[in-house]
C-alpha cells in the first residue's frame, strides 16, 4: 500500500487549523461567542406552555417549533467555534421576564413566541423572522366574539408584557367601542378567564390561541375570530450590540429556509400530532411566512408583512 504523500498528510491539518482559526476569530469579535467558547455552555430561554412554539412535553423537556429552530442555531454555533459539544442551559422565561433576561446576558437565545417590534429593538435585537402570526380573539361559541364590535360592554383579557395587551389597550383608548381590558399573568390564566366567563375574549397571537384551544378539555366549545387586530412577526430574541453573533444566527436560519428543511419542521409542529396529547393543529403555513422564507427579513415593521 503506497504511503500518503507529505502534501496529502498536510491537507487535513491545514483544514483543522483553518477551522480553529475561524472559530477563534469569530469568538474574539463577539462577546457572546467568546463566553460560549470559554464556558462550553449556551443559555436558551424557553416558554413552558406556548404550544406549539415552545413548551414542555410529557417528560418535561422543552420542545416545539422555536426549539427546533434554535437547535439548528446551536449546531451552527458549535461548528463555528470548532467545539465537540455545547451544553444547553435551559432557562424558563415568560412574557414579563424574557426581555430583561436577554438584555442582562442570562439568556443567549430566546426561543419562544416573541414578536419583533421597533419598540423592542431599542433594548434587544432579533433574528430574521421565524413565523408570522396575527392578533385575534378567542371566545366561547356560546358568546362569540368575531369582531372588535362584539366586545361592546364586555371585557377582553390579554397577557402582561405582550404586544397584544398594548394593542387592545390602545383600541380601548381610542374610544370607538366601550369595553374593559384585563391583564393575566400567562396564557393559561387568560384562557381560564374566558372559560369561566370572567372575560368575553382573550386577545393573543392566533397560532398560540389555536394551540391553547386544541389542548383544552373541550376545544369544540371555543372559537378564534376571523378578524385580525395586528400582524405579529416572531424572531429569536438576542442581546443587542453583538452583530457577529446575530449574523451567525441569521445565516443558520436562512440556510434552513434555502434547503427546504423548514418545511419539515413546520409540518412536524403545525400539521402533525404533537405532544403531550397528540393533537394536530392543522394550521397551513401562512402566506406571510412563505414570503419571509423566500425573502428573509428581520423587520419589526408590521407593514413589511402585509
Protein backbone atom coordinates (compact mmCIF):
# COMPACT_ATOMS: atom_id res chain seq x y z
CA UNK A 1 0.00 0.00 0.00
CA UNK A 2 1.58 3.34 -1.01
CA UNK A 3 2.32 5.77 1.78
CA UNK A 4 0.40 9.07 1.68
CA UNK A 5 2.49 11.95 0.47
CA UNK A 6 3.53 14.72 2.84
CA UNK A 7 1.25 17.05 0.89
CA UNK A 8 -1.77 14.77 1.42
CA UNK A 9 -1.00 14.49 5.13
CA UNK A 10 -0.81 18.26 5.44
CA UNK A 11 -4.23 18.96 3.89
CA UNK A 12 -6.31 17.67 6.85
CA UNK A 13 -4.00 19.50 9.26
CA UNK A 14 -4.40 22.73 7.32
CA UNK A 15 -8.16 22.28 7.29
CA UNK A 16 -8.20 21.71 11.04
CA UNK A 17 -6.09 24.79 11.66
CA UNK A 18 -8.40 26.85 9.44
CA UNK A 19 -11.46 25.74 11.43
CA UNK A 20 -9.78 26.53 14.74
CA UNK A 21 -8.58 29.90 13.48
CA UNK A 22 -12.04 30.74 12.16
CA UNK A 23 -13.63 29.91 15.49
CA UNK A 24 -11.04 31.93 17.39
CA UNK A 25 -11.53 34.93 15.12
CA UNK A 26 -15.33 34.76 15.47
CA UNK A 27 -15.34 34.49 19.25
CA UNK A 28 -12.76 37.27 19.67
CA UNK A 29 -15.10 39.74 17.92
CA UNK A 30 -18.30 38.53 19.61
CA UNK A 31 -18.75 38.74 23.39
CA UNK A 32 -21.50 36.10 23.20
CA UNK A 33 -19.38 33.62 21.24
CA UNK A 34 -16.37 34.32 23.46
CA UNK A 35 -18.35 33.43 26.57
CA UNK A 36 -19.82 30.31 24.94
CA UNK A 37 -16.32 29.26 23.84
CA UNK A 38 -14.94 29.65 27.35
CA UNK A 39 -17.84 28.01 29.23
CA UNK A 40 -18.84 25.45 26.57
CA UNK A 41 -22.42 26.41 27.53
CA UNK A 42 -25.20 28.25 25.69
CA UNK A 43 -28.23 29.56 27.61
CA UNK A 44 -31.58 29.04 25.91
CA UNK A 45 -34.74 30.77 27.05
CA UNK A 46 -37.92 28.74 26.61
CA UNK A 47 -41.63 29.01 27.42
CA UNK A 48 -43.33 26.22 29.35
CA UNK A 49 -46.78 26.44 27.71
CA UNK A 50 -46.57 28.28 24.36
CA UNK A 51 -47.87 25.44 22.18
CA UNK A 52 -46.64 24.66 19.52
CA UNK A 53 -43.65 27.02 19.63
CA UNK A 54 -42.04 26.37 23.00
CA UNK A 55 -43.50 24.15 25.71
CA UNK A 56 -42.83 21.14 27.92
CA UNK A 57 -43.60 17.64 26.66
CA UNK A 58 -44.73 14.68 28.76
CA UNK A 59 -41.17 14.21 30.06
CA UNK A 60 -40.93 17.92 30.99
CA UNK A 61 -38.46 18.63 28.17
CA UNK A 62 -38.59 21.87 26.17
CA UNK A 63 -39.90 21.13 22.67
CA UNK A 64 -41.61 22.97 19.82
CA UNK A 65 -41.17 24.76 16.54
CA UNK A 66 -38.96 27.51 18.00
CA UNK A 67 -36.92 24.97 19.97
CA UNK A 68 -36.20 23.03 16.77
CA UNK A 69 -35.02 26.21 15.05
CA UNK A 70 -32.79 27.08 18.00
CA UNK A 71 -31.31 23.56 17.95
CA UNK A 72 -30.15 24.29 14.40
CA UNK A 73 -28.64 27.58 15.56
CA UNK A 74 -26.79 25.87 18.43
CA UNK A 75 -25.33 23.36 15.98
CA UNK A 76 -24.13 26.24 13.77
CA UNK A 77 -22.50 27.88 16.81
CA UNK A 78 -20.81 24.60 17.74
CA UNK A 79 -19.38 24.22 14.25
CA UNK A 80 -18.26 27.84 14.08
CA UNK A 81 -16.36 27.54 17.35
CA UNK A 82 -14.91 24.14 16.45
CA UNK A 83 -16.30 22.55 19.62
CA UNK A 84 -17.11 18.87 20.00
CA UNK A 85 -20.24 19.69 22.00
CA UNK A 86 -22.04 22.58 23.70
CA UNK A 87 -24.08 22.16 26.87
CA UNK A 88 -27.58 23.64 26.67
CA UNK A 89 -28.59 25.53 29.80
CA UNK A 90 -32.39 25.83 29.78
CA UNK A 91 -33.88 28.99 31.32
CA UNK A 92 -37.67 29.24 31.63
CA UNK A 93 -39.00 32.69 30.69
CA UNK A 94 -42.39 34.34 30.49
CA UNK A 95 -43.76 37.43 28.78
CA UNK A 96 -42.55 39.70 31.59
CA UNK A 97 -39.05 38.23 32.15
CA UNK A 98 -37.87 37.32 28.64
CA UNK A 99 -36.54 40.74 27.59
CA UNK A 100 -34.66 41.51 30.84
CA UNK A 101 -33.06 38.05 30.85
CA UNK A 102 -31.81 38.50 27.28
CA UNK A 103 -30.67 42.08 27.87
CA UNK A 104 -28.69 41.22 31.03
CA UNK A 105 -26.92 38.23 29.47
CA UNK A 106 -28.70 35.43 31.33
CA UNK A 107 -30.17 34.13 28.04
CA UNK A 108 -28.28 33.89 24.72
CA UNK A 109 -31.18 32.70 22.54
CA UNK A 110 -34.81 33.33 23.50
CA UNK A 111 -36.69 30.55 21.75
CA UNK A 112 -40.35 31.22 22.37
CA UNK A 113 -43.05 33.17 20.56
CA UNK A 114 -41.81 36.74 20.77
CA UNK A 115 -42.91 39.49 18.41
CA UNK A 116 -40.22 41.64 16.82
CA UNK A 117 -41.26 45.29 17.18
CA UNK A 118 -39.49 48.57 16.55
CA UNK A 119 -40.01 49.49 20.20
CA UNK A 120 -38.40 46.27 21.47
CA UNK A 121 -35.45 46.77 19.12
CA UNK A 122 -34.36 49.65 21.36
CA UNK A 123 -33.46 47.10 24.07
CA UNK A 124 -32.76 43.83 22.22
CA UNK A 125 -32.29 42.56 18.69
CA UNK A 126 -33.99 39.82 16.69
CA UNK A 127 -33.02 37.18 14.18
CA UNK A 128 -34.61 37.05 10.76
CA UNK A 129 -38.32 36.36 11.14
CA UNK A 130 -39.21 32.76 12.01
CA UNK A 131 -43.02 32.97 11.99
CA UNK A 132 -45.77 35.46 11.17
CA UNK A 133 -48.85 35.46 13.36
CA UNK A 134 -51.79 37.84 13.87
CA UNK A 135 -53.56 39.10 16.98
CA UNK A 136 -57.02 37.57 17.10
CA UNK A 137 -59.55 36.85 19.84
CA UNK A 138 -60.52 33.53 21.40
CA UNK A 139 -64.04 33.30 22.79
CA UNK A 140 -66.73 30.80 23.75
CA UNK A 141 -69.01 29.79 20.89
CA UNK A 142 -71.95 30.42 23.21
CA UNK A 143 -70.90 34.11 23.37
CA UNK A 144 -68.94 34.59 20.14
CA UNK A 145 -66.52 37.47 19.56
CA UNK A 146 -65.62 37.62 15.88
CA UNK A 147 -65.04 41.38 15.57
CA UNK A 148 -63.98 44.10 17.97
CA UNK A 149 -67.56 45.42 17.92
CA UNK A 150 -68.72 42.16 19.54
CA UNK A 151 -66.83 43.17 22.71
CA UNK A 152 -69.12 46.14 23.37
CA UNK A 153 -69.92 46.28 27.09
CA UNK A 154 -67.73 43.25 27.84
CA UNK A 155 -64.12 42.55 28.80
CA UNK A 156 -61.13 41.28 26.84
CA UNK A 157 -58.10 39.78 28.56
CA UNK A 158 -54.51 39.63 27.37
CA UNK A 159 -51.17 38.73 28.92
CA UNK A 160 -48.82 41.05 30.80
CA UNK A 161 -45.71 42.03 28.82
CA UNK A 162 -47.16 41.29 25.37
CA UNK A 163 -47.76 43.41 22.29
CA UNK A 164 -51.32 42.06 22.29
CA UNK A 165 -52.15 43.73 25.61
CA UNK A 166 -50.87 47.06 24.32
CA UNK A 167 -52.94 46.68 21.14
CA UNK A 168 -56.25 46.19 22.99
CA UNK A 169 -55.37 48.97 25.45
CA UNK A 170 -54.75 51.33 22.52
CA UNK A 171 -58.04 50.29 20.90
CA UNK A 172 -59.89 50.97 24.16
CA UNK A 173 -58.28 54.42 24.49
CA UNK A 174 -59.50 55.33 21.01
CA UNK A 175 -62.99 55.20 22.49
CA UNK A 176 -64.79 53.87 19.42
CA UNK A 177 -66.14 50.89 21.37
CA UNK A 178 -66.78 50.63 25.12
CA UNK A 179 -65.08 47.56 26.62
CA UNK A 180 -62.80 46.71 29.53
CA UNK A 181 -59.24 45.36 29.35
CA UNK A 182 -57.97 42.78 31.85
CA UNK A 183 -54.38 41.55 32.31
CA UNK A 184 -53.42 37.94 33.06
CA UNK A 185 -50.07 36.54 34.22
CA UNK A 186 -49.82 33.95 31.44
CA UNK A 187 -51.68 32.14 28.66
CA UNK A 188 -53.26 29.55 30.92
CA UNK A 189 -54.70 32.14 33.31
CA UNK A 190 -56.09 34.17 30.40
CA UNK A 191 -57.71 31.09 28.88
CA UNK A 192 -59.31 30.21 32.22
CA UNK A 193 -60.76 33.72 32.46
CA UNK A 194 -62.61 33.14 29.18
CA UNK A 195 -63.52 29.61 30.20
CA UNK A 196 -65.08 30.86 33.46
CA UNK A 197 -66.74 33.86 31.77
CA UNK A 198 -64.70 36.49 33.61
CA UNK A 199 -63.72 37.78 30.16
CA UNK A 200 -65.57 37.65 26.85
CA UNK A 201 -62.40 37.08 24.83
CA UNK A 202 -58.65 36.51 25.01
CA UNK A 203 -56.58 38.63 22.59
CA UNK A 204 -53.36 36.86 21.63
CA UNK A 205 -51.38 35.61 18.62
CA UNK A 206 -53.67 33.31 16.64
CA UNK A 207 -51.26 30.35 16.47
CA UNK A 208 -50.99 30.36 20.28
CA UNK A 209 -54.78 30.58 20.61
CA UNK A 210 -55.23 27.55 18.37
CA UNK A 211 -52.68 25.70 20.49
CA UNK A 212 -54.44 26.58 23.75
CA UNK A 213 -57.81 25.64 22.31
CA UNK A 214 -56.54 22.32 20.95
CA UNK A 215 -55.13 21.12 24.29
CA UNK A 216 -58.12 22.31 26.34
CA UNK A 217 -60.60 19.74 27.75
CA UNK A 218 -63.40 20.96 25.43
CA UNK A 219 -61.91 22.58 22.30
CA UNK A 220 -65.23 22.37 20.46
CA UNK A 221 -66.67 25.00 22.82
CA UNK A 222 -64.27 27.75 21.67
CA UNK A 223 -63.55 29.73 18.51
CA UNK A 224 -60.92 32.13 17.18
CA UNK A 225 -62.04 35.33 15.45
CA UNK A 226 -61.68 35.75 11.71
CA UNK A 227 -60.92 39.46 12.17
CA UNK A 228 -57.26 40.23 12.92
CA UNK A 229 -56.20 43.18 15.08
CA UNK A 230 -52.49 43.23 14.11
CA UNK A 231 -49.59 41.42 12.42
CA UNK A 232 -47.04 39.73 14.73
CA UNK A 233 -43.65 38.74 13.21
CA UNK A 234 -41.71 36.39 15.51
CA UNK A 235 -37.95 36.14 15.80
CA UNK A 236 -35.33 34.61 18.07
CA UNK A 237 -34.56 37.36 20.56
CA UNK A 238 -30.86 38.17 21.06
CA UNK A 239 -28.76 40.55 23.11
CA UNK A 240 -28.26 43.93 21.45
CA UNK A 241 -24.82 45.04 20.28
CA UNK A 242 -23.37 41.73 19.03
CA UNK A 243 -23.65 41.84 15.21
CA UNK A 244 -21.28 38.89 14.72
CA UNK A 245 -23.49 36.58 16.80
CA UNK A 246 -26.65 37.87 15.11
CA UNK A 247 -25.13 37.24 11.67
CA UNK A 248 -24.34 33.65 12.66
CA UNK A 249 -27.90 33.11 13.91
CA UNK A 250 -29.39 34.67 10.77
CA UNK A 251 -27.14 32.68 8.43
CA UNK A 252 -28.10 29.39 10.08
CA UNK A 253 -31.82 30.16 9.75
CA UNK A 254 -31.51 31.34 6.15
CA UNK A 255 -29.65 28.11 5.30
CA UNK A 256 -32.59 26.22 6.82
CA UNK A 257 -35.01 28.16 4.63
CA UNK A 258 -33.00 27.68 1.44
CA UNK A 259 -32.52 23.95 1.98
CA UNK A 260 -36.26 23.41 2.40
CA UNK A 261 -35.76 21.80 5.82
CA UNK A 262 -38.04 24.45 7.32
CA UNK A 263 -40.97 22.74 5.57
CA UNK A 264 -40.42 19.50 7.52
CA UNK A 265 -40.05 21.39 10.81
CA UNK A 266 -43.28 23.28 10.12
CA UNK A 267 -45.16 20.06 9.28
CA UNK A 268 -43.94 18.47 12.48
CA UNK A 269 -45.47 21.14 14.72
CA UNK A 270 -48.45 22.52 12.81
CA UNK A 271 -49.67 19.67 10.59
CA UNK A 272 -48.92 16.55 12.68
CA UNK A 273 -49.90 15.19 16.12
CA UNK A 274 -47.82 16.89 18.81
CA UNK A 275 -47.12 16.11 22.47
CA UNK A 276 -48.30 15.77 25.10
CA UNK A 277 -51.82 14.82 23.89
CA UNK A 278 -51.19 14.01 20.23
CA UNK A 279 -53.28 16.96 19.00
CA UNK A 280 -52.93 18.06 15.35
CA UNK A 281 -53.38 21.84 14.97
CA UNK A 282 -53.90 21.51 11.19
CA UNK A 283 -52.60 25.02 10.51
CA UNK A 284 -51.33 25.51 6.94
CA UNK A 285 -48.25 27.70 6.60
CA UNK A 286 -49.29 31.39 6.41
CA UNK A 287 -48.55 33.10 3.11
CA UNK A 288 -46.70 35.82 5.02
CA UNK A 289 -44.31 33.19 6.37
CA UNK A 290 -43.79 31.73 2.90
CA UNK A 291 -42.81 35.21 1.74
CA UNK A 292 -40.30 35.52 4.60
CA UNK A 293 -38.77 32.14 3.75
CA UNK A 294 -38.35 33.25 0.14
CA UNK A 295 -37.06 36.72 1.11
CA UNK A 296 -35.77 36.68 4.71
CA UNK A 297 -36.14 39.88 6.74
CA UNK A 298 -35.67 40.96 10.34
CA UNK A 299 -38.01 43.94 10.04
CA UNK A 300 -40.02 44.93 13.10
CA UNK A 301 -42.43 46.96 10.96
CA UNK A 302 -45.78 45.15 10.55
CA UNK A 303 -46.21 46.80 7.13
CA UNK A 304 -43.34 44.65 5.82
CA UNK A 305 -45.52 41.55 6.22
CA UNK A 306 -48.74 42.73 4.59
